[in-house]
Amino acid sequence: MLDIEKLIRNRGRVILLVAVTFTLWQGGQITTKLVPATNAAYAPASIIATLGAIGYALAAIMFWVYYRKVQKANATCLINDDWAKHVRGLAIQYGFFYLIGAIALMYAYVQFWTLSSDVVLQFCIMVAVVSTIFSYVWLERKGDASQ
């Protein structure tokens, strides 16, 4: 049982790493689209986007390695139990709620300032993905998903 608990802890860490690197990658890309190339903030945003993309690729590889460990331990059914499915369902609900908030925020923003549609879409997708992952990790660490 100790191996299963270790796998569950590692899942949370790997998923959190995926969320952070995805945020850096997409946030950097959004910033480079918003900031002119002559601005001083463009170079750091480009570096952050590049490092985030590389980090995301490494995190995806780590997630694949984690998946192989779960298969090798023959623990897929133990890790994917009813409680884990319940936590995933709640995380998707939270992510949807935050996505609706991001859409409302972007709708209000574009009423006053011009913003390209690809930036708005990329921001909304980033909020949806990252908020769902962070909610999942938070609910899993909280240990009580009965709210």
Protein backbone atom coordinates (compact mmCIF):
# COMPACT_ATOMS: atom_id res chain seq x y z
CA MET A 1 0.00 0.00 0.00
CA LEU A 2 2.95 2.29 0.54
CA ASP A 3 3.80 2.10 -3.17
CA ILE A 4 0.26 3.16 -4.11
CA GLU A 5 0.42 6.17 -1.79
CA LYS A 6 3.77 7.11 -3.31
CA LEU A 7 2.32 6.85 -6.81
CA ILE A 8 -0.61 9.06 -5.82
CA ARG A 9 1.75 11.69 -4.35
CA ASN A 10 3.89 11.56 -7.48
CA ARG A 11 0.79 12.01 -9.64
CA GLY A 12 -0.02 15.24 -7.83
CA ARG A 13 3.52 16.51 -8.25
CA VAL A 14 3.75 15.66 -11.94
CA ILE A 15 0.34 17.15 -12.70
CA LEU A 16 1.26 20.30 -10.79
CA LEU A 17 4.48 20.57 -12.79
CA VAL A 18 2.48 20.19 -16.00
CA ALA A 19 0.15 23.03 -14.93
CA VAL A 20 2.97 25.39 -13.95
CA THR A 21 4.97 24.82 -17.11
CA PHE A 22 1.84 25.13 -19.26
CA THR A 23 1.07 28.45 -17.57
CA LEU A 24 4.59 29.75 -18.19
CA TRP A 25 4.50 28.63 -21.81
CA GLN A 26 1.07 30.02 -22.66
CA GLY A 27 1.42 33.11 -20.48
CA GLY A 28 4.71 33.94 -22.16
CA GLN A 29 3.17 33.49 -25.59
CA ILE A 30 0.23 35.72 -24.71
CA THR A 31 2.60 38.38 -23.39
CA THR A 32 4.71 38.30 -26.56
CA LYS A 33 1.53 38.81 -28.59
CA LEU A 34 0.47 41.79 -26.47
CA VAL A 35 3.83 43.54 -26.09
CA PRO A 36 5.54 45.16 -29.10
CA ALA A 37 8.88 43.61 -30.08
CA THR A 38 10.64 46.90 -29.28
CA ASN A 39 9.42 46.87 -25.66
CA ALA A 40 11.85 45.81 -22.92
CA ALA A 41 9.39 43.18 -21.65
CA TYR A 42 9.37 41.30 -24.96
CA ALA A 43 12.69 39.51 -24.47
CA PRO A 44 11.90 38.17 -20.97
CA ALA A 45 8.44 37.09 -22.16
CA SER A 46 10.01 35.22 -25.08
CA ILE A 47 12.49 33.53 -22.75
CA ILE A 48 9.71 32.56 -20.33
CA ALA A 49 7.61 31.17 -23.20
CA THR A 50 10.55 29.14 -24.52
CA LEU A 51 11.52 27.80 -21.10
CA GLY A 52 7.87 27.05 -20.38
CA ALA A 53 7.55 25.09 -23.64
CA ILE A 54 10.69 23.11 -22.88
CA GLY A 55 9.49 22.53 -19.32
CA TYR A 56 6.09 21.43 -20.58
CA ALA A 57 7.73 18.91 -22.91
CA LEU A 58 9.82 17.57 -20.01
CA ALA A 59 6.75 17.44 -17.76
CA ALA A 60 4.90 15.46 -20.44
CA ILE A 61 7.78 12.99 -20.53
CA MET A 62 7.68 12.76 -16.72
CA PHE A 63 3.94 12.10 -16.91
CA TRP A 64 4.58 9.30 -19.41
CA VAL A 65 7.21 7.82 -17.06
CA TYR A 66 4.71 8.03 -14.20
CA TYR A 67 2.12 6.25 -16.36
CA ARG A 68 4.61 3.46 -17.08
CA LYS A 69 5.30 3.09 -13.33
CA VAL A 70 1.57 2.76 -12.65
CA GLN A 71 1.25 0.11 -15.34
CA LYS A 72 4.31 -1.73 -14.07
CA ALA A 73 2.92 -1.75 -10.52
CA ASN A 74 -0.41 -2.97 -11.92
CA ALA A 75 -2.12 -0.25 -9.87
CA THR A 76 -4.37 1.41 -12.42
CA CYS A 77 -7.57 0.16 -10.79
CA LEU A 78 -6.37 1.09 -7.32
CA ILE A 79 -5.42 4.64 -8.32
CA ASN A 80 -8.48 5.23 -10.52
CA ASP A 81 -11.07 4.42 -7.87
CA ASP A 82 -14.48 6.04 -7.31
CA TRP A 83 -13.03 8.75 -5.08
CA ALA A 84 -10.48 9.76 -7.74
CA LYS A 85 -13.26 9.92 -10.33
CA HIS A 86 -15.30 12.08 -7.94
CA VAL A 87 -12.35 14.44 -7.44
CA ARG A 88 -11.86 14.67 -11.21
CA GLY A 89 -15.53 15.52 -11.66
CA LEU A 90 -15.34 18.29 -9.08
CA ALA A 91 -12.16 19.65 -10.64
CA ILE A 92 -13.87 19.81 -14.03
CA GLN A 93 -16.76 21.69 -12.44
CA TYR A 94 -14.38 24.20 -10.88
CA GLY A 95 -12.49 24.57 -14.15
CA PHE A 96 -15.74 25.23 -16.01
CA PHE A 97 -16.70 27.87 -13.43
CA TYR A 98 -13.36 29.64 -13.86
CA LEU A 99 -13.67 29.37 -17.66
CA ILE A 100 -17.03 31.15 -17.53
CA GLY A 101 -15.40 33.84 -15.36
CA ALA A 102 -12.54 34.25 -17.84
CA ILE A 103 -14.98 34.54 -20.74
CA ALA A 104 -16.96 37.19 -18.85
CA LEU A 105 -13.74 39.04 -18.02
CA MET A 106 -12.55 38.97 -21.62
CA TYR A 107 -15.98 40.03 -22.87
CA ALA A 108 -15.91 43.06 -20.59
CA TYR A 109 -12.29 43.81 -21.50
CA VAL A 110 -12.87 43.87 -25.26
CA GLN A 111 -15.74 46.29 -24.84
CA PHE A 112 -13.25 49.01 -23.92
CA TRP A 113 -9.93 47.94 -25.48
CA THR A 114 -9.06 46.10 -28.65
CA LEU A 115 -7.67 42.64 -28.24
CA SER A 116 -7.17 40.06 -30.93
CA SER A 117 -9.41 37.03 -30.84
CA ASP A 118 -6.52 34.56 -30.74
CA VAL A 119 -5.24 36.15 -27.51
CA VAL A 120 -8.71 36.00 -25.96
CA LEU A 121 -9.13 32.37 -26.99
CA GLN A 122 -5.66 31.40 -25.83
CA PHE A 123 -6.24 33.10 -22.46
CA CYS A 124 -9.58 31.33 -21.97
CA ILE A 125 -8.09 27.94 -22.86
CA MET A 126 -5.17 28.57 -20.50
CA VAL A 127 -7.54 29.45 -17.64
CA ALA A 128 -9.70 26.39 -18.31
CA VAL A 129 -6.80 23.94 -18.39
CA VAL A 130 -4.79 25.38 -15.52
CA SER A 131 -7.73 26.00 -13.18
CA THR A 132 -8.95 22.43 -13.68
CA ILE A 133 -5.50 20.98 -12.95
CA PHE A 134 -4.92 23.19 -9.91
CA SER A 135 -8.40 22.34 -8.61
CA TYR A 136 -7.69 18.64 -9.02
CA VAL A 137 -4.39 18.84 -7.17
CA TRP A 138 -5.94 20.98 -4.43
CA LEU A 139 -8.91 18.64 -3.96
CA GLU A 140 -6.68 15.60 -3.95
CA ARG A 141 -4.34 17.08 -1.32
CA LYS A 142 -7.24 18.38 0.70
CA GLY A 143 -8.42 14.80 1.01
CA ASP A 144 -12.07 15.67 1.36
CA ALA A 145 -13.93 16.14 -1.90
CA SER A 146 -17.38 16.01 -0.38
CA GLN A 147 -18.21 19.72 -0.84
